[in-house]
Amino acid sequence: MRNTYVVECPLSSSPDPNAVARLWHAWLAKSRNGPKLPKALLEAPAVDLASTEVGTEQQLEQIRVDEQGLTQFALRWEHPDARSAGVRWRVELAYISAHDDQSARFSCKLAVGRSIASIAPTRRATTRPKIVVDMLKAFPGVEVEPIAPLPLVLRATDAARFAAFLTAEDRKRPIVLVTCRNVDDRPAVDPSFISDILAGLAFVYVTDGRWPSLALRDHLPRHLICRDGAVRLYWPGFATNGDGYGHPFWIPGDLRRLDSEKDGGLPQLLLESIVEAANYTSGTHVADWQRFESSRRRVQIAESRAAGDFEKLAESYAADNVALREQKEDLEEALRTAGDDLRQARNDTKYWRGEYEAVMSGTRSTQDEQEAEIGSVADALDRAIQKWPTKLILALNSASDKDTPFAAPGEVYASVRFLATTFHDSKSGTKSCSDLDRELREQTGWTYEANQSVTTMGKHRGEYECTWDGRRHTLKAHMGTGTSKDPRHTIRIAFAWDEKRQVVVVGFVGQHQSSDRT
């Protein structure tokens, strides 16, 4: 299964495991199609429970291990997806407390996967389980600053302390700063909703009017502050001697655009970005189902060996092997998506760095701003055709999908611009280019292939041809990015050079053209 949400929080107190278990069970009972809990859990909620069927295709399992001064309690609930057959969800809640110093930590992981063999993607929109907010309301968290589902208020008198927290080398969580507009001393976005959706993942601050942003100018370079209704995300590792492009910000105009273009607007964008980063650090969690499961097996093996019960010892070793195999499968699935995630992150970083440098240098034009607001693949193609009507022709074949949901339409526009400029100049003899693939990579991060397999094009002729100007064009060349089966991260554009008309004919746009491999 692939994690879609991961969070771990240190708690300010060490609550009784039974109180934690009751809260978790109450959340399960209120969930849509929630499980029917075994009656035994009413008397002793935080106990070890073997995998038990608690509803249609639903399993519930609990771990309780007390050893070496630690109490480890975890719950796992697996259930089918409400919309898609063969898709399953898994929730893992874990709680650990130390007996000596009363420290405690809580974690929540949400994962999705398939229960039947299929190559179809199982991606779902990132969501924050309500139990995270329930836990932090009942048992508040703390890590230098309070970890709560409510925004922290930043006042002008806090500027020095806040700047020190921003630049602290040991800061592990992102900071989201919501500032107020100068005109009315009010934020341009609801900070309460942002702090609720990011509960446990990030510290969310809202300025007390316009003055805290002004006060920060005494402690941070001006290009690193946030003001006048803007929102900024400060990742761990923030430093005052940096250029700041890695810590993105959104002005009120960006917030309005996101509200109209993206479900959930900026809060959802922040959640997706921060969860994606958290997924890669989840292996360091102290409160973790797999760690607790390993502790339980270690205790069982030691007890069986001490009692000379070799039959039970063999069962414990067999269970250990099964668990390790499941962990290996989960890691392999994570690796399959990591490559595309990394590619997307690199392209995003390159894009935002260019945007930041353009703004800081004052070289961005009104036309650049309009191009940055491209909302879809279809929009990117239409704008490019309108801008270069004598160099680009759109003649998509029936296998194309102009509405493919690729998540970076700005990259599509930049790549089609490459066809109208660099590629066109090279083919027409206006300006030579010795390595079109390298040039495209430098401009957009995409790759270029001049030829495709003759065998493949013959087998799937309809996808590798298009018709324009009364003639059939073979789409031997293509460009694109991504290798997954998720159309948000993978796209191909195939095209042909019309020597007679001296134009680039774009004949295919979509996730993949068919081949023996795809």
Protein backbone atom coordinates (compact mmCIF):
# COMPACT_ATOMS: atom_id res chain seq x y z
CA MET A 1 0.00 0.00 0.00
CA ARG A 2 1.05 3.61 -0.55
CA ASN A 3 0.84 6.17 2.24
CA THR A 4 -1.41 9.14 1.47
CA TYR A 5 -1.11 10.79 4.87
CA VAL A 6 1.52 10.56 7.63
CA VAL A 7 1.94 12.53 10.85
CA GLU A 8 3.65 12.07 14.22
CA CYS A 9 3.28 14.42 17.20
CA PRO A 10 4.94 14.63 20.61
CA LEU A 11 2.31 15.14 23.30
CA SER A 12 2.58 17.53 26.24
CA SER A 13 1.36 14.84 28.65
CA SER A 14 1.32 11.04 28.87
CA PRO A 15 -2.35 9.98 28.85
CA ASP A 16 -3.51 6.55 29.96
CA PRO A 17 -3.50 4.11 27.00
CA ASN A 18 -7.12 3.17 27.76
CA ALA A 19 -8.17 6.82 27.38
CA VAL A 20 -6.36 6.98 24.04
CA ALA A 21 -7.98 3.70 22.92
CA ARG A 22 -11.48 4.90 23.84
CA LEU A 23 -10.97 8.05 21.76
CA TRP A 24 -9.82 5.99 18.78
CA HIS A 25 -12.72 3.56 19.12
CA ALA A 26 -15.21 6.43 19.30
CA TRP A 27 -13.78 7.82 16.07
CA LEU A 28 -14.07 4.43 14.38
CA ALA A 29 -17.69 4.08 15.49
CA LYS A 30 -18.57 7.46 13.97
CA SER A 31 -16.78 6.73 10.67
CA ARG A 32 -18.84 6.07 7.57
CA ASN A 33 -19.47 2.31 7.44
CA GLY A 34 -17.43 2.07 10.63
CA PRO A 35 -16.59 -1.30 12.19
CA LYS A 36 -18.61 -3.20 14.78
CA LEU A 37 -16.16 -3.28 17.67
CA PRO A 38 -15.79 -6.49 19.72
CA LYS A 39 -17.56 -6.21 23.06
CA ALA A 40 -14.37 -7.21 24.86
CA LEU A 41 -12.85 -3.81 23.97
CA LEU A 42 -15.48 -2.03 26.06
CA GLU A 43 -13.99 -3.40 29.28
CA ALA A 44 -10.30 -3.25 28.29
CA PRO A 45 -9.86 -0.95 25.26
CA ALA A 46 -6.04 -0.92 25.04
CA VAL A 47 -5.33 -4.64 24.74
CA ASP A 48 -3.63 -6.91 22.25
CA LEU A 49 -6.19 -8.04 19.66
CA ALA A 50 -5.55 -10.50 16.84
CA SER A 51 -6.84 -9.54 13.39
CA THR A 52 -10.63 -9.69 13.73
CA GLU A 53 -13.39 -9.32 11.15
CA VAL A 54 -15.48 -6.32 12.21
CA GLY A 55 -17.64 -5.78 9.14
CA THR A 56 -17.91 -6.60 5.46
CA GLU A 57 -14.31 -7.05 4.28
CA GLN A 58 -13.13 -5.09 7.34
CA GLN A 59 -10.39 -6.17 9.74
CA LEU A 60 -9.34 -4.66 13.04
CA GLU A 61 -6.13 -5.47 14.88
CA GLN A 62 -4.47 -4.02 17.98
CA ILE A 63 -1.00 -4.24 19.51
CA ARG A 64 -0.20 -3.72 23.17
CA VAL A 65 3.39 -4.23 24.36
CA ASP A 66 4.82 -3.18 27.72
CA GLU A 67 8.57 -3.64 27.89
CA GLN A 68 11.75 -1.79 28.82
CA GLY A 69 9.87 1.06 30.48
CA LEU A 70 7.67 1.72 27.44
CA THR A 71 3.99 1.27 26.71
CA GLN A 72 3.34 0.71 23.02
CA PHE A 73 -0.24 0.64 21.78
CA ALA A 74 -1.40 0.66 18.17
CA LEU A 75 -4.51 0.03 16.11
CA ARG A 76 -4.87 -0.98 12.46
CA TRP A 77 -8.16 -0.86 10.56
CA GLU A 78 -8.48 -2.06 6.96
CA HIS A 79 -11.64 -1.56 4.92
CA PRO A 80 -12.74 -1.40 1.26
CA ASP A 81 -13.06 1.83 -0.66
CA ALA A 82 -16.62 3.12 -0.84
CA ARG A 83 -16.37 3.97 -4.56
CA SER A 84 -14.00 1.53 -6.28
CA ALA A 85 -14.03 -2.26 -6.11
CA GLY A 86 -10.69 -3.84 -5.31
CA VAL A 87 -9.33 -0.71 -3.59
CA ARG A 88 -8.63 -0.86 0.14
CA TRP A 89 -7.74 1.66 2.83
CA ARG A 90 -5.59 1.07 5.88
CA VAL A 91 -5.45 3.31 8.93
CA GLU A 92 -2.67 2.87 11.50
CA LEU A 93 -2.78 4.74 14.80
CA ALA A 94 0.13 4.37 17.22
CA TYR A 95 0.81 5.67 20.73
CA ILE A 96 3.98 5.27 22.80
CA SER A 97 4.74 6.57 26.30
CA ALA A 98 7.85 6.31 28.45
CA HIS A 99 7.29 5.42 32.11
CA ASP A 100 10.27 7.34 33.47
CA ASP A 101 9.90 10.83 31.95
CA GLN A 102 6.19 10.67 31.03
CA SER A 103 6.96 11.59 27.41
CA ALA A 104 4.52 10.39 24.77
CA ARG A 105 4.05 10.43 21.00
CA PHE A 106 1.14 9.78 18.67
CA SER A 107 1.15 8.93 14.96
CA CYS A 108 -1.41 8.41 12.23
CA LYS A 109 -0.86 6.83 8.83
CA LEU A 110 -3.41 6.49 6.06
CA ALA A 111 -2.60 4.22 3.11
CA VAL A 112 -4.42 3.05 -0.02
CA GLY A 113 -3.79 0.05 -2.27
CA ARG A 114 -5.36 -2.70 -4.32
CA SER A 115 -6.62 -6.04 -3.10
CA ILE A 116 -6.76 -7.45 -6.64
CA ALA A 117 -4.11 -7.56 -9.37
CA SER A 118 -4.42 -4.43 -11.52
CA ILE A 119 -2.24 -1.79 -13.11
CA ALA A 120 -4.82 0.97 -12.63
CA PRO A 121 -3.61 3.80 -10.35
CA THR A 122 -4.97 4.02 -6.80
CA ARG A 123 -4.23 7.67 -6.13
CA ARG A 124 -6.76 9.57 -4.06
CA ALA A 125 -6.98 13.17 -2.93
CA THR A 126 -4.92 13.82 0.19
CA THR A 127 -7.08 14.18 3.30
CA ARG A 128 -6.46 14.67 7.00
CA PRO A 129 -8.23 12.04 9.17
CA LYS A 130 -10.43 13.66 11.84
CA ILE A 131 -8.84 11.54 14.58
CA VAL A 132 -5.72 13.73 14.34
CA VAL A 133 -7.69 16.80 15.39
CA ASP A 134 -9.57 14.78 18.04
CA MET A 135 -6.26 13.62 19.56
CA LEU A 136 -4.69 17.09 19.63
CA LYS A 137 -7.81 18.58 21.21
CA ALA A 138 -7.93 15.89 23.90
CA PHE A 139 -4.15 15.59 24.42
CA PRO A 140 -2.38 18.74 23.14
CA GLY A 141 0.98 18.40 21.46
CA VAL A 142 4.10 20.49 21.95
CA GLU A 143 7.46 20.84 20.22
CA VAL A 144 8.99 24.19 21.25
CA GLU A 145 5.63 25.70 20.29
CA PRO A 146 2.17 24.20 20.92
CA ILE A 147 0.99 21.73 18.26
CA ALA A 148 -2.73 22.36 17.95
CA PRO A 149 -5.46 22.57 15.28
CA LEU A 150 -5.66 26.33 15.92
CA PRO A 151 -3.40 29.06 14.49
CA LEU A 152 -0.78 30.69 16.70
CA VAL A 153 -1.03 34.49 16.85
CA LEU A 154 2.14 36.37 15.92
CA ARG A 155 2.43 39.82 17.50
CA ALA A 156 4.98 42.50 16.75
CA THR A 157 6.66 41.91 20.11
CA ASP A 158 7.22 38.26 19.10
CA ALA A 159 9.22 39.13 15.96
CA ALA A 160 12.68 38.33 17.35
CA ARG A 161 11.59 35.01 18.87
CA PHE A 162 9.71 34.04 15.71
CA ALA A 163 12.73 34.82 13.51
CA ALA A 164 14.92 32.68 15.78
CA PHE A 165 12.42 29.81 15.52
CA LEU A 166 12.35 30.14 11.72
CA THR A 167 16.11 29.74 11.48
CA ALA A 168 16.54 27.10 14.21
CA GLU A 169 18.64 24.24 12.85
CA ASP A 170 16.70 21.65 14.86
CA ARG A 171 13.26 22.75 13.61
CA LYS A 172 11.60 19.68 12.08
CA ARG A 173 8.17 20.99 11.05
CA PRO A 174 7.30 23.53 8.37
CA ILE A 175 5.94 26.92 9.36
CA VAL A 176 3.06 28.54 7.48
CA LEU A 177 2.78 32.31 8.02
CA VAL A 178 -0.53 33.99 7.17
CA THR A 179 -0.25 37.78 7.09
CA CYS A 180 -2.87 40.51 7.20
CA ARG A 181 -3.56 43.02 4.45
CA ASN A 182 -2.37 46.56 5.06
CA VAL A 183 -5.69 48.01 3.96
CA ASP A 184 -7.88 46.35 6.61
CA ASP A 185 -5.56 44.34 8.94
CA ARG A 186 -7.34 41.12 7.99
CA PRO A 187 -5.95 37.94 6.37
CA ALA A 188 -6.86 37.12 2.76
CA VAL A 189 -7.46 33.45 3.64
CA ASP A 190 -8.94 31.70 6.69
CA PRO A 191 -5.98 30.76 8.95
CA SER A 192 -8.21 28.57 11.13
CA PHE A 193 -8.98 26.26 8.21
CA ILE A 194 -5.30 26.04 7.26
CA SER A 195 -4.27 25.17 10.83
CA ASP A 196 -7.06 22.59 11.07
CA ILE A 197 -6.13 20.78 7.84
CA LEU A 198 -2.40 20.93 8.73
CA ALA A 199 -2.90 19.87 12.37
CA GLY A 200 0.23 18.13 13.60
CA LEU A 201 2.07 18.60 10.31
CA ALA A 202 3.04 22.26 10.53
CA PHE A 203 3.00 25.31 12.76
CA VAL A 204 0.50 27.85 11.43
CA TYR A 205 0.86 31.49 12.48
CA VAL A 206 -1.39 34.43 11.71
CA THR A 207 -0.13 37.97 12.22
CA ASP A 208 -1.94 40.33 14.56
CA GLY A 209 -2.60 42.99 11.92
CA ARG A 210 0.04 44.41 9.60
CA TRP A 211 2.62 45.32 12.26
CA PRO A 212 4.28 41.95 12.92
CA SER A 213 5.36 41.75 9.26
CA LEU A 214 6.89 45.21 9.55
CA ALA A 215 8.66 44.21 12.77
CA LEU A 216 10.18 41.16 11.05
CA ARG A 217 12.15 43.49 8.77
CA ASP A 218 14.47 44.13 11.72
CA HIS A 219 15.34 40.43 11.90
CA LEU A 220 15.06 39.04 8.35
CA PRO A 221 16.11 40.29 4.90
CA ARG A 222 13.17 41.93 3.16
CA HIS A 223 13.02 39.34 0.38
CA LEU A 224 12.48 36.60 3.00
CA ILE A 225 9.56 38.11 4.89
CA CYS A 226 5.88 37.84 4.11
CA ARG A 227 3.43 40.75 4.25
CA ASP A 228 0.23 42.46 3.08
CA GLY A 229 -2.08 39.44 2.95
CA ALA A 230 0.46 37.00 1.51
CA VAL A 231 1.02 33.45 2.82
CA ARG A 232 4.46 31.86 3.00
CA LEU A 233 5.66 28.31 3.63
CA TYR A 234 9.00 28.14 5.48
CA TRP A 235 10.47 24.64 5.22
CA PRO A 236 12.93 23.35 7.84
CA GLY A 237 16.45 24.45 6.93
CA PHE A 238 15.43 28.08 6.32
CA ALA A 239 18.40 30.47 6.60
CA THR A 240 18.69 34.25 6.37
CA ASN A 241 21.57 34.03 3.90
CA GLY A 242 19.51 32.07 1.35
CA ASP A 243 17.75 33.40 -1.73
CA GLY A 244 14.37 32.15 -0.47
CA TYR A 245 13.05 30.56 -3.66
CA GLY A 246 12.70 27.21 -1.88
CA HIS A 247 10.21 28.71 0.58
CA PRO A 248 7.23 29.64 -1.64
CA PHE A 249 4.76 32.44 -1.01
CA TRP A 250 1.38 33.35 -2.41
CA ILE A 251 -0.01 36.87 -2.71
CA PRO A 252 -3.77 37.52 -2.47
CA GLY A 253 -4.12 37.29 -6.26
CA ASP A 254 -2.58 33.81 -6.18
CA LEU A 255 -5.00 32.79 -3.45
CA ARG A 256 -8.00 33.83 -5.54
CA ARG A 257 -6.65 31.98 -8.56
CA LEU A 258 -6.05 28.82 -6.54
CA ASP A 259 -9.59 28.99 -5.16
CA SER A 260 -10.97 28.97 -8.69
CA GLU A 261 -8.57 26.42 -10.21
CA LYS A 262 -7.89 23.86 -7.47
CA ASP A 263 -10.29 21.96 -5.25
CA GLY A 264 -9.57 23.11 -1.72
CA GLY A 265 -7.46 26.06 -2.87
CA LEU A 266 -4.27 26.93 -1.00
CA PRO A 267 -5.04 24.84 2.13
CA GLN A 268 -5.26 21.67 0.00
CA LEU A 269 -2.09 22.61 -1.91
CA LEU A 270 -0.23 23.07 1.39
CA LEU A 271 -1.54 19.76 2.73
CA GLU A 272 -0.44 17.86 -0.38
CA SER A 273 3.03 19.45 -0.39
CA ILE A 274 3.72 18.91 3.30
CA VAL A 275 2.33 15.35 3.40
CA GLU A 276 4.48 14.43 0.40
CA ALA A 277 7.56 15.55 2.33
CA ALA A 278 6.36 13.83 5.51
CA ASN A 279 5.99 10.52 3.66
CA TYR A 280 9.74 10.38 3.11
CA THR A 281 10.49 10.79 6.83
CA SER A 282 7.87 8.37 8.16
CA GLY A 283 10.50 5.67 8.66
CA THR A 284 12.00 7.71 11.50
CA HIS A 285 8.80 7.70 13.56
CA VAL A 286 9.02 6.37 17.11
CA ALA A 287 5.28 5.67 17.29
CA ASP A 288 4.93 3.20 14.44
CA TRP A 289 2.86 0.05 13.86
CA GLN A 290 5.71 -1.94 12.34
CA ARG A 291 8.05 -1.05 15.22
CA PHE A 292 5.44 -2.13 17.76
CA GLU A 293 4.72 -5.31 15.81
CA SER A 294 8.44 -6.12 15.86
CA SER A 295 8.54 -5.54 19.63
CA ARG A 296 5.56 -7.87 20.11
CA ARG A 297 7.18 -10.64 18.08
CA ARG A 298 10.45 -10.19 19.98
CA VAL A 299 8.63 -10.64 23.28
CA GLN A 300 6.69 -13.68 21.98
CA ILE A 301 9.85 -15.34 20.66
CA ALA A 302 11.66 -14.77 23.97
CA GLU A 303 8.73 -16.21 25.94
CA SER A 304 8.42 -19.28 23.68
CA ARG A 305 12.15 -19.96 23.85
CA ALA A 306 12.18 -19.62 27.64
CA ALA A 307 9.22 -22.03 27.94
CA GLY A 308 10.69 -24.52 25.49
CA ASP A 309 7.55 -24.24 23.33
CA PHE A 310 9.20 -24.80 19.98
CA GLU A 311 5.91 -25.13 18.10
CA LYS A 312 4.87 -21.68 19.16
CA LEU A 313 8.40 -20.45 18.51
CA ALA A 314 8.14 -21.68 14.90
CA GLU A 315 4.79 -19.90 14.52
CA SER A 316 6.36 -16.67 15.78
CA TYR A 317 9.20 -16.92 13.29
CA ALA A 318 6.72 -17.63 10.47
CA ALA A 319 4.68 -14.56 11.46
CA ASP A 320 7.91 -12.56 11.50
CA ASN A 321 8.69 -13.62 7.94
CA VAL A 322 5.18 -12.71 6.73
CA ALA A 323 5.43 -9.26 8.31
CA LEU A 324 8.84 -8.63 6.76
CA ARG A 325 7.52 -9.65 3.34
CA GLU A 326 4.60 -7.22 3.68
CA GLN A 327 7.01 -4.44 4.66
CA LYS A 328 9.12 -5.22 1.59
CA GLU A 329 6.07 -5.02 -0.69
CA ASP A 330 5.07 -1.66 0.80
CA LEU A 331 8.59 -0.31 0.26
CA GLU A 332 8.64 -1.52 -3.35
CA GLU A 333 5.35 0.23 -4.06
CA ALA A 334 6.69 3.43 -2.48
CA LEU A 335 9.81 3.22 -4.64
CA ARG A 336 7.73 2.89 -7.80
CA THR A 337 6.16 6.28 -7.19
CA ALA A 338 9.23 7.98 -5.67
CA GLY A 339 10.91 8.51 -9.05
CA ASP A 340 8.00 10.49 -10.47
CA ASP A 341 7.53 12.38 -7.21
CA LEU A 342 11.21 13.37 -7.24
CA ARG A 343 11.02 14.44 -10.88
CA GLN A 344 7.96 16.54 -10.16
CA ALA A 345 9.62 18.13 -7.12
CA ARG A 346 12.72 19.04 -9.15
CA ASN A 347 10.64 20.60 -11.89
CA ASP A 348 8.57 22.52 -9.35
CA THR A 349 11.74 23.82 -7.68
CA LYS A 350 13.21 24.87 -11.02
CA TYR A 351 9.97 26.59 -12.02
CA TRP A 352 9.51 28.48 -8.75
CA ARG A 353 13.15 29.50 -8.69
CA GLY A 354 12.74 31.04 -12.13
CA GLU A 355 9.54 32.76 -11.03
CA TYR A 356 11.19 34.11 -7.89
CA GLU A 357 14.27 35.40 -9.71
CA ALA A 358 12.08 37.04 -12.37
CA VAL A 359 10.06 38.87 -9.72
CA MET A 360 13.15 39.96 -7.77
CA SER A 361 14.94 41.21 -10.89
CA GLY A 362 11.87 43.00 -12.23
CA THR A 363 12.15 41.25 -15.60
CA ARG A 364 8.75 39.55 -15.50
CA SER A 365 6.35 41.05 -18.02
CA THR A 366 2.56 41.08 -18.13
CA GLN A 367 2.78 38.38 -20.78
CA ASP A 368 4.89 36.20 -18.43
CA GLU A 369 2.27 36.60 -15.70
CA GLN A 370 -0.49 35.54 -18.08
CA GLU A 371 1.49 32.46 -19.13
CA ALA A 372 2.04 31.55 -15.46
CA GLU A 373 -1.74 31.42 -15.02
CA ILE A 374 -2.29 28.61 -17.55
CA GLY A 375 -4.91 26.37 -15.98
CA SER A 376 -4.97 23.17 -18.07
CA VAL A 377 -3.32 21.22 -20.88
CA ALA A 378 -6.04 22.35 -23.28
CA ASP A 379 -5.45 25.97 -22.26
CA ALA A 380 -1.70 25.58 -22.82
CA LEU A 381 -2.21 24.13 -26.31
CA ASP A 382 -4.78 26.75 -27.34
CA ARG A 383 -2.58 29.63 -26.20
CA ALA A 384 0.46 28.24 -28.00
CA ILE A 385 -1.45 27.75 -31.26
CA GLN A 386 -2.81 31.31 -31.01
CA LYS A 387 0.65 32.73 -30.39
CA TRP A 388 2.46 30.80 -33.15
CA PRO A 389 -0.22 30.13 -35.80
CA THR A 390 2.30 30.02 -38.65
CA LYS A 391 4.59 27.55 -36.88
CA LEU A 392 2.28 25.19 -34.99
CA ILE A 393 -0.68 23.14 -36.19
CA LEU A 394 -2.93 21.18 -33.82
CA ALA A 395 -4.29 18.09 -35.59
CA LEU A 396 -4.96 15.65 -32.76
CA ASN A 397 -5.85 12.08 -33.62
CA SER A 398 -8.70 10.14 -32.01
CA ALA A 399 -6.39 8.57 -29.39
CA SER A 400 -5.53 11.98 -27.95
CA ASP A 401 -6.88 13.43 -24.73
CA LYS A 402 -6.68 17.22 -24.79
CA ASP A 403 -8.23 17.30 -21.31
CA THR A 404 -5.65 14.96 -19.76
CA PRO A 405 -5.28 16.07 -16.08
CA PHE A 406 -1.52 16.68 -16.15
CA ALA A 407 -0.71 18.67 -13.00
CA ALA A 408 1.78 21.12 -14.56
CA PRO A 409 0.13 22.76 -17.60
CA GLY A 410 2.78 25.48 -17.49
CA GLU A 411 5.31 22.82 -18.48
CA VAL A 412 3.11 21.86 -21.45
CA TYR A 413 3.08 25.46 -22.66
CA ALA A 414 6.85 25.78 -22.24
CA SER A 415 7.44 22.54 -24.15
CA VAL A 416 5.13 23.48 -27.02
CA ARG A 417 6.89 26.84 -27.10
CA PHE A 418 10.10 24.84 -27.58
CA LEU A 419 8.51 23.26 -30.68
CA ALA A 420 7.54 26.68 -32.08
CA THR A 421 10.96 28.20 -31.44
CA THR A 422 14.02 25.97 -30.97
CA PHE A 423 12.66 22.92 -32.81
CA HIS A 424 11.11 24.96 -35.64
CA ASP A 425 14.28 27.03 -36.09
CA SER A 426 16.36 23.86 -36.26
CA LYS A 427 14.13 22.12 -38.84
CA SER A 428 13.64 25.21 -40.98
CA GLY A 429 17.36 26.02 -40.98
CA THR A 430 16.89 29.37 -39.27
CA LYS A 431 19.13 28.42 -36.33
CA SER A 432 20.83 25.08 -35.80
CA CYS A 433 20.60 23.02 -32.61
CA SER A 434 23.01 20.08 -32.24
CA ASP A 435 21.16 18.41 -29.34
CA LEU A 436 17.41 18.98 -29.18
CA ASP A 437 16.98 16.60 -26.23
CA ARG A 438 19.49 18.48 -24.10
CA GLU A 439 17.99 21.83 -25.07
CA LEU A 440 14.47 20.66 -24.14
CA ARG A 441 15.73 19.29 -20.82
CA GLU A 442 17.36 22.62 -19.99
CA GLN A 443 14.25 24.60 -20.90
CA THR A 444 11.54 22.42 -19.36
CA GLY A 445 12.95 19.26 -17.76
CA TRP A 446 11.17 17.12 -20.39
CA THR A 447 12.83 14.62 -22.75
CA TYR A 448 12.78 14.44 -26.56
CA GLU A 449 12.87 11.38 -28.82
CA ALA A 450 13.31 11.84 -32.57
CA ASN A 451 12.16 8.34 -33.54
CA GLN A 452 9.90 5.60 -32.25
CA SER A 453 9.86 1.88 -32.95
CA VAL A 454 8.69 1.07 -36.48
CA THR A 455 7.14 -2.15 -35.16
CA THR A 456 5.21 -0.31 -32.45
CA MET A 457 3.98 2.35 -34.88
CA GLY A 458 2.83 -0.40 -37.22
CA LYS A 459 0.89 -2.25 -34.51
CA HIS A 460 -0.84 0.90 -33.24
CA ARG A 461 -1.02 2.93 -36.45
CA GLY A 462 -4.01 5.00 -35.35
CA GLU A 463 -2.10 6.46 -32.39
CA TYR A 464 1.04 7.25 -34.38
CA GLU A 465 -0.62 9.07 -37.27
CA CYS A 466 -2.71 12.17 -37.78
CA THR A 467 -4.26 13.93 -40.77
CA TRP A 468 -3.79 17.57 -41.74
CA ASP A 469 -3.93 19.51 -44.98
CA GLY A 470 -5.37 16.43 -46.69
CA ARG A 471 -2.26 14.40 -45.93
CA ARG A 472 -1.39 11.71 -43.42
CA HIS A 473 1.51 12.52 -41.06
CA THR A 474 3.52 9.89 -39.18
CA LEU A 475 4.22 10.94 -35.58
CA LYS A 476 7.75 9.60 -35.22
CA ALA A 477 8.94 12.26 -32.75
CA HIS A 478 7.61 12.82 -29.27
CA MET A 479 8.44 14.60 -26.03
CA GLY A 480 7.16 14.19 -22.51
CA THR A 481 7.80 13.58 -18.86
CA GLY A 482 6.99 10.95 -16.23
CA THR A 483 6.85 7.15 -16.35
CA SER A 484 3.93 6.30 -14.07
CA LYS A 485 0.37 5.40 -14.97
CA ASP A 486 -0.92 8.47 -13.12
CA PRO A 487 -1.98 11.07 -15.75
CA ARG A 488 -1.30 13.88 -13.29
CA HIS A 489 2.43 13.18 -13.48
CA THR A 490 2.92 11.65 -16.94
CA ILE A 491 2.29 13.10 -20.39
CA ARG A 492 3.40 12.60 -24.01
CA ILE A 493 3.14 14.94 -27.00
CA ALA A 494 3.86 13.42 -30.41
CA PHE A 495 4.44 15.55 -33.51
CA ALA A 496 5.71 15.64 -37.09
CA TRP A 497 7.63 18.16 -39.17
CA ASP A 498 5.80 19.15 -42.35
CA GLU A 499 8.58 20.02 -44.77
CA LYS A 500 6.16 21.31 -47.40
CA ARG A 501 4.39 23.83 -45.15
CA GLN A 502 7.33 24.38 -42.76
CA VAL A 503 5.20 23.82 -39.67
CA VAL A 504 5.18 21.50 -36.65
CA VAL A 505 2.08 19.29 -36.66
CA VAL A 506 1.07 18.19 -33.15
CA GLY A 507 -0.91 15.00 -33.59
CA PHE A 508 -1.09 13.30 -30.17
CA VAL A 509 -1.48 14.55 -26.61
CA GLY A 510 -2.13 12.17 -23.73
CA GLN A 511 -0.66 10.04 -21.00
CA HIS A 512 0.96 7.33 -23.17
CA GLN A 513 0.85 6.09 -26.74
CA SER A 514 0.30 2.34 -26.86
CA SER A 515 3.30 0.03 -27.04
CA ASP A 516 4.16 -3.53 -26.03
CA ARG A 517 5.37 -2.16 -22.69
CA THR A 518 2.44 0.13 -21.90
